[in-house]
Amino acid sequence: MRAWANNSTFQWITRLPLLTRGRKYNPLIKDAIVAGAMMVVGEILAEEIKHHMSEPHHGTILVQETALMPVTQTPERKNASWLKKFLPRTDIDTGKVCGLGLYGAFQGCLMHFFYCFIDKKLPGASLMIVSKKLVLDELMMAPTCLIGFFLYNGFRDTGTLGGGLQRVKHLFWPAYIADVMLWPLLQAINFGFLPTRYRVTYISVFTCLWNTYLCYLNFQHPLPTISKATVDGSDL
C-alpha cells in the first residue's frame, strides 16, 4: 500500500486542489461547486416534470396499450446521448441549466459567508441560539435567494430586467409562504447538529428538491401578458 502511494504515476492526484485540498483549505470553492451542481440537477428534474405536466393526456386505454407495446430501438435511439436515454422526452435548455448552475454557485458562496457570519456572532447550538439563527435565515437569506432565483429566471425568459421584476412580483409571496412552512425544520437540524463546514452541502441537497417546487410554481402560475410598458418597468 505504501509503495502504491509513493508511485509517481499517482502523485498527480495529490496536486488536484478541488479533490484533495478543497475540503480542507478551500471550503468556499467546495460550497460553490456543490451548490451549483445541485442547482443543475434540480433544474433538469424540474424541466422533466414540467414537460410531463404539459403533455396532453390521451386516456387510460391508449396509455395501457402504449405501455404494452415494445419499444423499437431505432439507430437514433440506440446512439442517443446518455441524457436523452434517461430523459428521452425532454429538450433540456443547456444555456438555462448552465446559467442556473452559475447562479447556484453564487448562492453557495453567499450561503457560505452568511453561515460563517452567524456562527461567529452566535456560537453554540442551544435552543435560543438556534431560534435566533432561524429568524435571521428567514428574514435575510430566504428572501435574498428567492428574489435572486425569480429575478434570474424572469430575466432569462424575457430578456429584460422588467420581466425579472414581474416574476418576483407574482411568485415571491407564494414561494416565501411555502419557505416558512418547510425550511425552519430543515434549518433547525442544520443549525442544531451540523458543523459550519457542512451547512451549505446539507442545504444544497434540499435546494435541489426546492428548485423543483419553484419550477412547478412557475409553471402553475404563468405571468399574464406583459405589455411593453410593463416590461420596461413603468408599471412596477
C-alpha atoms as a PDB file:
ATOM      1  CA  MET A   1       0.000   0.000   0.000  1.00  0.00           C
ATOM      2  CA  ARG A   2       2.814   2.403   0.861  1.00  0.00           C
ATOM      3  CA  ALA A   3       4.617   1.557  -2.381  1.00  0.00           C
ATOM      4  CA  TRP A   4       1.454   2.346  -4.333  1.00  0.00           C
ATOM      5  CA  ALA A   5       1.112   5.669  -2.556  1.00  0.00           C
ATOM      6  CA  ASN A   6       4.695   6.615  -3.393  1.00  0.00           C
ATOM      7  CA  ASN A   7       4.298   5.686  -7.051  1.00  0.00           C
ATOM      8  CA  SER A   8       4.924   8.789  -9.168  1.00  0.00           C
ATOM      9  CA  THR A   9       2.178   7.672 -11.541  1.00  0.00           C
ATOM     10  CA  PHE A  10      -0.455   8.643  -8.981  1.00  0.00           C
ATOM     11  CA  GLN A  11       1.215  11.722  -7.493  1.00  0.00           C
ATOM     12  CA  TRP A  12      -0.761  13.981  -9.809  1.00  0.00           C
ATOM     13  CA  ILE A  13      -3.825  13.184  -7.699  1.00  0.00           C
ATOM     14  CA  THR A  14      -2.318  14.986  -4.714  1.00  0.00           C
ATOM     15  CA  ARG A  15      -1.968  18.130  -6.806  1.00  0.00           C
ATOM     16  CA  LEU A  16      -5.710  18.434  -7.516  1.00  0.00           C
ATOM     17  CA  PRO A  17      -6.834  21.134  -5.059  1.00  0.00           C
ATOM     18  CA  LEU A  18     -10.559  20.569  -5.591  1.00  0.00           C
ATOM     19  CA  LEU A  19     -10.263  16.860  -4.784  1.00  0.00           C
ATOM     20  CA  THR A  20      -7.680  16.692  -2.025  1.00  0.00           C
ATOM     21  CA  ARG A  21      -7.331  20.148  -0.545  1.00  0.00           C
ATOM     22  CA  GLY A  22     -10.618  21.749  -1.452  1.00  0.00           C
ATOM     23  CA  ARG A  23     -12.439  20.390   1.583  1.00  0.00           C
ATOM     24  CA  LYS A  24      -9.699  21.424   3.981  1.00  0.00           C
ATOM     25  CA  TYR A  25      -8.316  24.654   2.572  1.00  0.00           C
ATOM     26  CA  ASN A  26     -10.972  25.869   0.149  1.00  0.00           C
ATOM     27  CA  PRO A  27     -14.399  25.411   1.765  1.00  0.00           C
ATOM     28  CA  LEU A  28     -15.721  28.325  -0.285  1.00  0.00           C
ATOM     29  CA  ILE A  29     -14.829  26.565  -3.553  1.00  0.00           C
ATOM     30  CA  LYS A  30     -16.350  23.325  -2.304  1.00  0.00           C
ATOM     31  CA  ASP A  31     -19.579  25.044  -1.312  1.00  0.00           C
ATOM     32  CA  ALA A  32     -19.792  26.815  -4.674  1.00  0.00           C
ATOM     33  CA  ILE A  33     -19.284  23.583  -6.632  1.00  0.00           C
ATOM     34  CA  VAL A  34     -21.774  21.569  -4.567  1.00  0.00           C
ATOM     35  CA  ALA A  35     -24.444  24.284  -4.655  1.00  0.00           C
ATOM     36  CA  GLY A  36     -24.017  24.801  -8.404  1.00  0.00           C
ATOM     37  CA  ALA A  37     -24.169  21.067  -9.119  1.00  0.00           C
ATOM     38  CA  MET A  38     -27.303  20.580  -7.025  1.00  0.00           C
ATOM     39  CA  MET A  39     -28.969  23.534  -8.749  1.00  0.00           C
ATOM     40  CA  VAL A  40     -28.232  21.932 -12.135  1.00  0.00           C
ATOM     41  CA  VAL A  41     -29.674  18.578 -11.030  1.00  0.00           C
ATOM     42  CA  GLY A  42     -32.773  20.258  -9.625  1.00  0.00           C
ATOM     43  CA  GLU A  43     -33.329  22.241 -12.816  1.00  0.00           C
ATOM     44  CA  ILE A  44     -33.051  19.131 -15.021  1.00  0.00           C
ATOM     45  CA  LEU A  45     -35.552  17.275 -12.833  1.00  0.00           C
ATOM     46  CA  ALA A  46     -37.849  20.291 -12.844  1.00  0.00           C
ATOM     47  CA  GLU A  47     -37.720  20.567 -16.634  1.00  0.00           C
ATOM     48  CA  GLU A  48     -38.619  16.882 -16.938  1.00  0.00           C
ATOM     49  CA  ILE A  49     -41.578  17.274 -14.576  1.00  0.00           C
ATOM     50  CA  LYS A  50     -42.726  20.423 -16.366  1.00  0.00           C
ATOM     51  CA  HIS A  51     -42.507  18.607 -19.706  1.00  0.00           C
ATOM     52  CA  HIS A  52     -44.682  15.736 -18.460  1.00  0.00           C
ATOM     53  CA  MET A  53     -47.194  18.166 -16.941  1.00  0.00           C
ATOM     54  CA  SER A  54     -47.546  19.995 -20.253  1.00  0.00           C
ATOM     55  CA  GLU A  55     -48.175  16.795 -22.254  1.00  0.00           C
ATOM     56  CA  PRO A  56     -51.818  16.150 -23.246  1.00  0.00           C
ATOM     57  CA  HIS A  57     -53.500  13.163 -21.611  1.00  0.00           C
ATOM     58  CA  HIS A  58     -54.860  10.624 -24.080  1.00  0.00           C
ATOM     59  CA  GLY A  59     -56.937   8.370 -21.861  1.00  0.00           C
ATOM     60  CA  THR A  60     -56.290   5.203 -19.916  1.00  0.00           C
ATOM     61  CA  ILE A  61     -56.762   2.711 -22.745  1.00  0.00           C
ATOM     62  CA  LEU A  62     -54.270   4.398 -25.007  1.00  0.00           C
ATOM     63  CA  VAL A  63     -51.761   4.686 -22.194  1.00  0.00           C
ATOM     64  CA  GLN A  64     -52.128   0.990 -21.372  1.00  0.00           C
ATOM     65  CA  GLU A  65     -51.752  -0.021 -24.986  1.00  0.00           C
ATOM     66  CA  THR A  66     -48.687   2.164 -25.322  1.00  0.00           C
ATOM     67  CA  ALA A  67     -47.186   0.635 -22.207  1.00  0.00           C
ATOM     68  CA  LEU A  68     -47.651  -2.870 -23.636  1.00  0.00           C
ATOM     69  CA  MET A  69     -46.124  -2.043 -26.993  1.00  0.00           C
ATOM     70  CA  PRO A  70     -42.446  -2.968 -27.368  1.00  0.00           C
ATOM     71  CA  VAL A  71     -40.023  -0.075 -27.690  1.00  0.00           C
ATOM     72  CA  THR A  72     -38.287  -0.100 -31.041  1.00  0.00           C
ATOM     73  CA  GLN A  73     -34.588   0.523 -30.743  1.00  0.00           C
ATOM     74  CA  THR A  74     -34.051   2.803 -33.700  1.00  0.00           C
ATOM     75  CA  PRO A  75     -30.497   3.806 -34.633  1.00  0.00           C
ATOM     76  CA  GLU A  76     -31.220   7.317 -33.369  1.00  0.00           C
ATOM     77  CA  ARG A  77     -32.449   5.998 -30.010  1.00  0.00           C
ATOM     78  CA  LYS A  78     -29.641   3.472 -29.732  1.00  0.00           C
ATOM     79  CA  ASN A  79     -26.955   6.059 -30.424  1.00  0.00           C
ATOM     80  CA  ALA A  80     -28.586   8.795 -28.350  1.00  0.00           C
ATOM     81  CA  SER A  81     -26.635  10.601 -25.677  1.00  0.00           C
ATOM     82  CA  TRP A  82     -26.889   9.472 -22.064  1.00  0.00           C
ATOM     83  CA  LEU A  83     -29.113  12.475 -21.318  1.00  0.00           C
ATOM     84  CA  LYS A  84     -31.648  11.515 -23.977  1.00  0.00           C
ATOM     85  CA  LYS A  85     -31.644   7.901 -22.748  1.00  0.00           C
ATOM     86  CA  PHE A  86     -32.514   8.938 -19.199  1.00  0.00           C
ATOM     87  CA  LEU A  87     -34.725  11.884 -20.170  1.00  0.00           C
ATOM     88  CA  PRO A  88     -35.912  10.896 -23.659  1.00  0.00           C
ATOM     89  CA  ARG A  89     -38.848  13.323 -23.911  1.00  0.00           C
ATOM     90  CA  THR A  90     -37.286  16.487 -22.625  1.00  0.00           C
ATOM     91  CA  ASP A  91     -35.399  19.094 -24.614  1.00  0.00           C
ATOM     92  CA  ILE A  92     -33.086  20.484 -21.958  1.00  0.00           C
ATOM     93  CA  ASP A  93     -32.237  24.158 -22.353  1.00  0.00           C
ATOM     94  CA  THR A  94     -28.486  23.846 -21.902  1.00  0.00           C
ATOM     95  CA  GLY A  95     -27.948  27.583 -21.648  1.00  0.00           C
ATOM     96  CA  LYS A  96     -30.551  27.973 -18.915  1.00  0.00           C
ATOM     97  CA  VAL A  97     -29.211  24.970 -16.997  1.00  0.00           C
ATOM     98  CA  CYS A  98     -25.639  26.278 -17.133  1.00  0.00           C
ATOM     99  CA  GLY A  99     -26.825  29.736 -16.116  1.00  0.00           C
ATOM    100  CA  LEU A 100     -28.671  28.313 -13.129  1.00  0.00           C
ATOM    101  CA  GLY A 101     -25.553  26.334 -12.258  1.00  0.00           C
ATOM    102  CA  LEU A 102     -23.585  29.585 -12.109  1.00  0.00           C
ATOM    103  CA  TYR A 103     -26.348  31.178 -10.068  1.00  0.00           C
ATOM    104  CA  GLY A 104     -26.294  28.166  -7.740  1.00  0.00           C
ATOM    105  CA  ALA A 105     -22.529  28.559  -7.313  1.00  0.00           C
ATOM    106  CA  PHE A 106     -23.022  32.234  -6.466  1.00  0.00           C
ATOM    107  CA  GLN A 107     -25.756  31.297  -3.994  1.00  0.00           C
ATOM    108  CA  GLY A 108     -23.434  28.708  -2.450  1.00  0.00           C
ATOM    109  CA  CYS A 109     -20.804  31.417  -1.881  1.00  0.00           C
ATOM    110  CA  LEU A 110     -23.454  33.685  -0.387  1.00  0.00           C
ATOM    111  CA  MET A 111     -24.648  30.970   1.990  1.00  0.00           C
ATOM    112  CA  HIS A 112     -21.051  30.157   2.923  1.00  0.00           C
ATOM    113  CA  PHE A 113     -20.358  33.716   4.074  1.00  0.00           C
ATOM    114  CA  PHE A 114     -23.754  34.007   5.762  1.00  0.00           C
ATOM    115  CA  TYR A 115     -23.357  30.809   7.792  1.00  0.00           C
ATOM    116  CA  CYS A 116     -19.798  31.686   8.769  1.00  0.00           C
ATOM    117  CA  PHE A 117     -21.005  35.107   9.907  1.00  0.00           C
ATOM    118  CA  ILE A 118     -23.918  33.938  12.054  1.00  0.00           C
ATOM    119  CA  ASP A 119     -21.902  31.051  13.531  1.00  0.00           C
ATOM    120  CA  LYS A 120     -19.236  33.559  14.552  1.00  0.00           C
ATOM    121  CA  LYS A 121     -21.737  36.017  16.011  1.00  0.00           C
ATOM    122  CA  LEU A 122     -23.985  33.343  17.556  1.00  0.00           C
ATOM    123  CA  PRO A 123     -21.785  30.418  18.631  1.00  0.00           C
ATOM    124  CA  GLY A 124     -23.321  27.317  20.130  1.00  0.00           C
ATOM    125  CA  ALA A 125     -26.362  25.165  19.459  1.00  0.00           C
ATOM    126  CA  SER A 126     -28.719  25.919  22.331  1.00  0.00           C
ATOM    127  CA  LEU A 127     -32.425  26.332  21.706  1.00  0.00           C
ATOM    128  CA  MET A 128     -32.177  30.119  21.968  1.00  0.00           C
ATOM    129  CA  ILE A 129     -29.185  30.312  19.611  1.00  0.00           C
ATOM    130  CA  VAL A 130     -30.807  28.042  17.028  1.00  0.00           C
ATOM    131  CA  SER A 131     -34.024  30.078  17.223  1.00  0.00           C
ATOM    132  CA  LYS A 132     -32.134  33.307  16.566  1.00  0.00           C
ATOM    133  CA  LYS A 133     -30.367  31.741  13.589  1.00  0.00           C
ATOM    134  CA  LEU A 134     -33.677  30.538  12.183  1.00  0.00           C
ATOM    135  CA  VAL A 135     -35.144  34.037  12.420  1.00  0.00           C
ATOM    136  CA  LEU A 136     -32.100  35.562  10.714  1.00  0.00           C
ATOM    137  CA  ASP A 137     -32.198  32.935   7.995  1.00  0.00           C
ATOM    138  CA  GLU A 138     -35.873  33.530   7.224  1.00  0.00           C
ATOM    139  CA  LEU A 139     -35.576  37.317   7.331  1.00  0.00           C
ATOM    140  CA  MET A 140     -32.313  37.653   5.408  1.00  0.00           C
ATOM    141  CA  MET A 141     -31.238  34.579   3.466  1.00  0.00           C
ATOM    142  CA  ALA A 142     -34.594  33.197   2.328  1.00  0.00           C
ATOM    143  CA  PRO A 143     -35.873  36.425   0.691  1.00  0.00           C
ATOM    144  CA  THR A 144     -32.495  37.056  -0.932  1.00  0.00           C
ATOM    145  CA  CYS A 145     -32.331  33.588  -2.503  1.00  0.00           C
ATOM    146  CA  LEU A 146     -35.947  33.659  -3.684  1.00  0.00           C
ATOM    147  CA  ILE A 147     -35.674  37.117  -5.211  1.00  0.00           C
ATOM    148  CA  GLY A 148     -32.433  36.170  -6.934  1.00  0.00           C
ATOM    149  CA  PHE A 149     -33.903  32.940  -8.304  1.00  0.00           C
ATOM    150  CA  PHE A 150     -37.056  34.513  -9.738  1.00  0.00           C
ATOM    151  CA  LEU A 151     -35.204  37.588 -10.960  1.00  0.00           C
ATOM    152  CA  TYR A 152     -32.734  35.458 -12.895  1.00  0.00           C
ATOM    153  CA  ASN A 153     -35.420  33.187 -14.363  1.00  0.00           C
ATOM    154  CA  GLY A 154     -37.609  36.125 -15.352  1.00  0.00           C
ATOM    155  CA  PHE A 155     -34.682  37.892 -16.980  1.00  0.00           C
ATOM    156  CA  ARG A 156     -33.684  34.680 -18.740  1.00  0.00           C
ATOM    157  CA  ASP A 157     -37.194  34.100 -20.117  1.00  0.00           C
ATOM    158  CA  THR A 158     -37.975  37.679 -21.174  1.00  0.00           C
ATOM    159  CA  GLY A 159     -34.548  39.154 -21.784  1.00  0.00           C
ATOM    160  CA  THR A 160     -35.426  42.237 -19.723  1.00  0.00           C
ATOM    161  CA  LEU A 161     -34.974  43.323 -16.135  1.00  0.00           C
ATOM    162  CA  GLY A 162     -38.643  44.335 -16.063  1.00  0.00           C
ATOM    163  CA  GLY A 163     -39.619  40.748 -16.852  1.00  0.00           C
ATOM    164  CA  GLY A 164     -37.493  39.546 -13.960  1.00  0.00           C
ATOM    165  CA  LEU A 165     -39.125  42.030 -11.598  1.00  0.00           C
ATOM    166  CA  GLN A 166     -42.561  40.917 -12.782  1.00  0.00           C
ATOM    167  CA  ARG A 167     -41.619  37.313 -11.990  1.00  0.00           C
ATOM    168  CA  VAL A 168     -40.573  38.341  -8.489  1.00  0.00           C
ATOM    169  CA  LYS A 169     -43.778  40.343  -8.017  1.00  0.00           C
ATOM    170  CA  HIS A 170     -46.071  37.445  -8.945  1.00  0.00           C
ATOM    171  CA  LEU A 171     -44.255  34.473  -7.394  1.00  0.00           C
ATOM    172  CA  PHE A 172     -42.279  35.717  -4.393  1.00  0.00           C
ATOM    173  CA  TRP A 173     -45.006  35.588  -1.743  1.00  0.00           C
ATOM    174  CA  PRO A 174     -46.392  32.112  -2.596  1.00  0.00           C
ATOM    175  CA  ALA A 175     -42.842  30.775  -2.568  1.00  0.00           C
ATOM    176  CA  TYR A 176     -41.936  32.600   0.648  1.00  0.00           C
ATOM    177  CA  ILE A 177     -45.005  31.240   2.459  1.00  0.00           C
ATOM    178  CA  ALA A 178     -44.002  27.720   1.422  1.00  0.00           C
ATOM    179  CA  ASP A 179     -40.441  28.507   2.509  1.00  0.00           C
ATOM    180  CA  VAL A 180     -41.583  29.498   6.002  1.00  0.00           C
ATOM    181  CA  MET A 181     -43.551  26.247   6.286  1.00  0.00           C
ATOM    182  CA  LEU A 182     -40.668  23.978   5.221  1.00  0.00           C
ATOM    183  CA  TRP A 183     -37.222  25.432   5.766  1.00  0.00           C
ATOM    184  CA  PRO A 184     -37.263  26.215   9.520  1.00  0.00           C
ATOM    185  CA  LEU A 185     -37.468  22.494  10.283  1.00  0.00           C
ATOM    186  CA  LEU A 186     -34.607  21.669   7.916  1.00  0.00           C
ATOM    187  CA  GLN A 187     -32.552  24.585   9.178  1.00  0.00           C
ATOM    188  CA  ALA A 188     -33.166  23.608  12.804  1.00  0.00           C
ATOM    189  CA  ILE A 189     -31.366  20.337  12.063  1.00  0.00           C
ATOM    190  CA  ASN A 190     -28.688  22.262  10.195  1.00  0.00           C
ATOM    191  CA  PHE A 191     -28.006  24.787  12.955  1.00  0.00           C
ATOM    192  CA  GLY A 192     -28.506  22.363  15.827  1.00  0.00           C
ATOM    193  CA  PHE A 193     -26.453  19.354  14.775  1.00  0.00           C
ATOM    194  CA  LEU A 194     -24.126  20.133  11.856  1.00  0.00           C
ATOM    195  CA  PRO A 195     -20.787  21.967  11.918  1.00  0.00           C
ATOM    196  CA  THR A 196     -20.357  25.067   9.780  1.00  0.00           C
ATOM    197  CA  ARG A 197     -18.348  23.343   7.041  1.00  0.00           C
ATOM    198  CA  TYR A 198     -21.256  21.010   6.193  1.00  0.00           C
ATOM    199  CA  ARG A 199     -24.090  23.542   6.242  1.00  0.00           C
ATOM    200  CA  VAL A 200     -24.043  24.530   2.562  1.00  0.00           C
ATOM    201  CA  THR A 201     -23.717  20.916   1.396  1.00  0.00           C
ATOM    202  CA  TYR A 202     -26.679  19.884   3.546  1.00  0.00           C
ATOM    203  CA  ILE A 203     -28.826  22.771   2.325  1.00  0.00           C
ATOM    204  CA  SER A 204     -27.821  22.248  -1.316  1.00  0.00           C
ATOM    205  CA  VAL A 205     -29.262  18.727  -1.314  1.00  0.00           C
ATOM    206  CA  PHE A 206     -32.670  20.028  -0.243  1.00  0.00           C
ATOM    207  CA  THR A 207     -32.322  23.026  -2.551  1.00  0.00           C
ATOM    208  CA  CYS A 208     -32.263  20.519  -5.412  1.00  0.00           C
ATOM    209  CA  LEU A 209     -35.795  19.442  -4.444  1.00  0.00           C
ATOM    210  CA  TRP A 210     -36.826  23.005  -3.587  1.00  0.00           C
ATOM    211  CA  ASN A 211     -35.821  24.166  -7.062  1.00  0.00           C
ATOM    212  CA  THR A 212     -38.168  21.549  -8.498  1.00  0.00           C
ATOM    213  CA  TYR A 213     -41.026  23.049  -6.476  1.00  0.00           C
ATOM    214  CA  LEU A 214     -40.157  26.570  -7.629  1.00  0.00           C
ATOM    215  CA  CYS A 215     -40.235  25.443 -11.241  1.00  0.00           C
ATOM    216  CA  TYR A 216     -43.614  23.792 -10.595  1.00  0.00           C
ATOM    217  CA  LEU A 217     -44.869  27.032  -9.048  1.00  0.00           C
ATOM    218  CA  ASN A 218     -43.582  28.962 -12.028  1.00  0.00           C
ATOM    219  CA  PHE A 219     -45.352  26.558 -14.397  1.00  0.00           C
ATOM    220  CA  GLN A 220     -48.654  26.576 -12.469  1.00  0.00           C
ATOM    221  CA  HIS A 221     -48.782  30.376 -12.242  1.00  0.00           C
ATOM    222  CA  PRO A 222     -47.643  31.795 -15.564  1.00  0.00           C
ATOM    223  CA  LEU A 223     -47.265  35.510 -15.875  1.00  0.00           C
ATOM    224  CA  PRO A 224     -50.086  37.450 -17.527  1.00  0.00           C
ATOM    225  CA  THR A 225     -49.493  39.018 -20.895  1.00  0.00           C
ATOM    226  CA  ILE A 226     -46.944  41.723 -20.301  1.00  0.00           C
ATOM    227  CA  SER A 227     -47.147  44.911 -22.299  1.00  0.00           C
ATOM    228  CA  LYS A 228     -44.061  46.748 -23.464  1.00  0.00           C
ATOM    229  CA  ALA A 229     -44.622  49.442 -20.852  1.00  0.00           C
ATOM    230  CA  THR A 230     -44.784  46.820 -18.111  1.00  0.00           C
ATOM    231  CA  VAL A 231     -41.625  45.095 -19.301  1.00  0.00           C
ATOM    232  CA  ASP A 232     -39.844  48.439 -19.361  1.00  0.00           C
ATOM    233  CA  GLY A 233     -40.778  48.811 -15.691  1.00  0.00           C
ATOM    234  CA  SER A 234     -43.327  51.621 -15.848  1.00  0.00           C
ATOM    235  CA  ASP A 235     -46.000  49.540 -14.075  1.00  0.00           C
ATOM    236  CA  LEU A 236     -43.778  48.306 -11.305  1.00  0.00           C
END
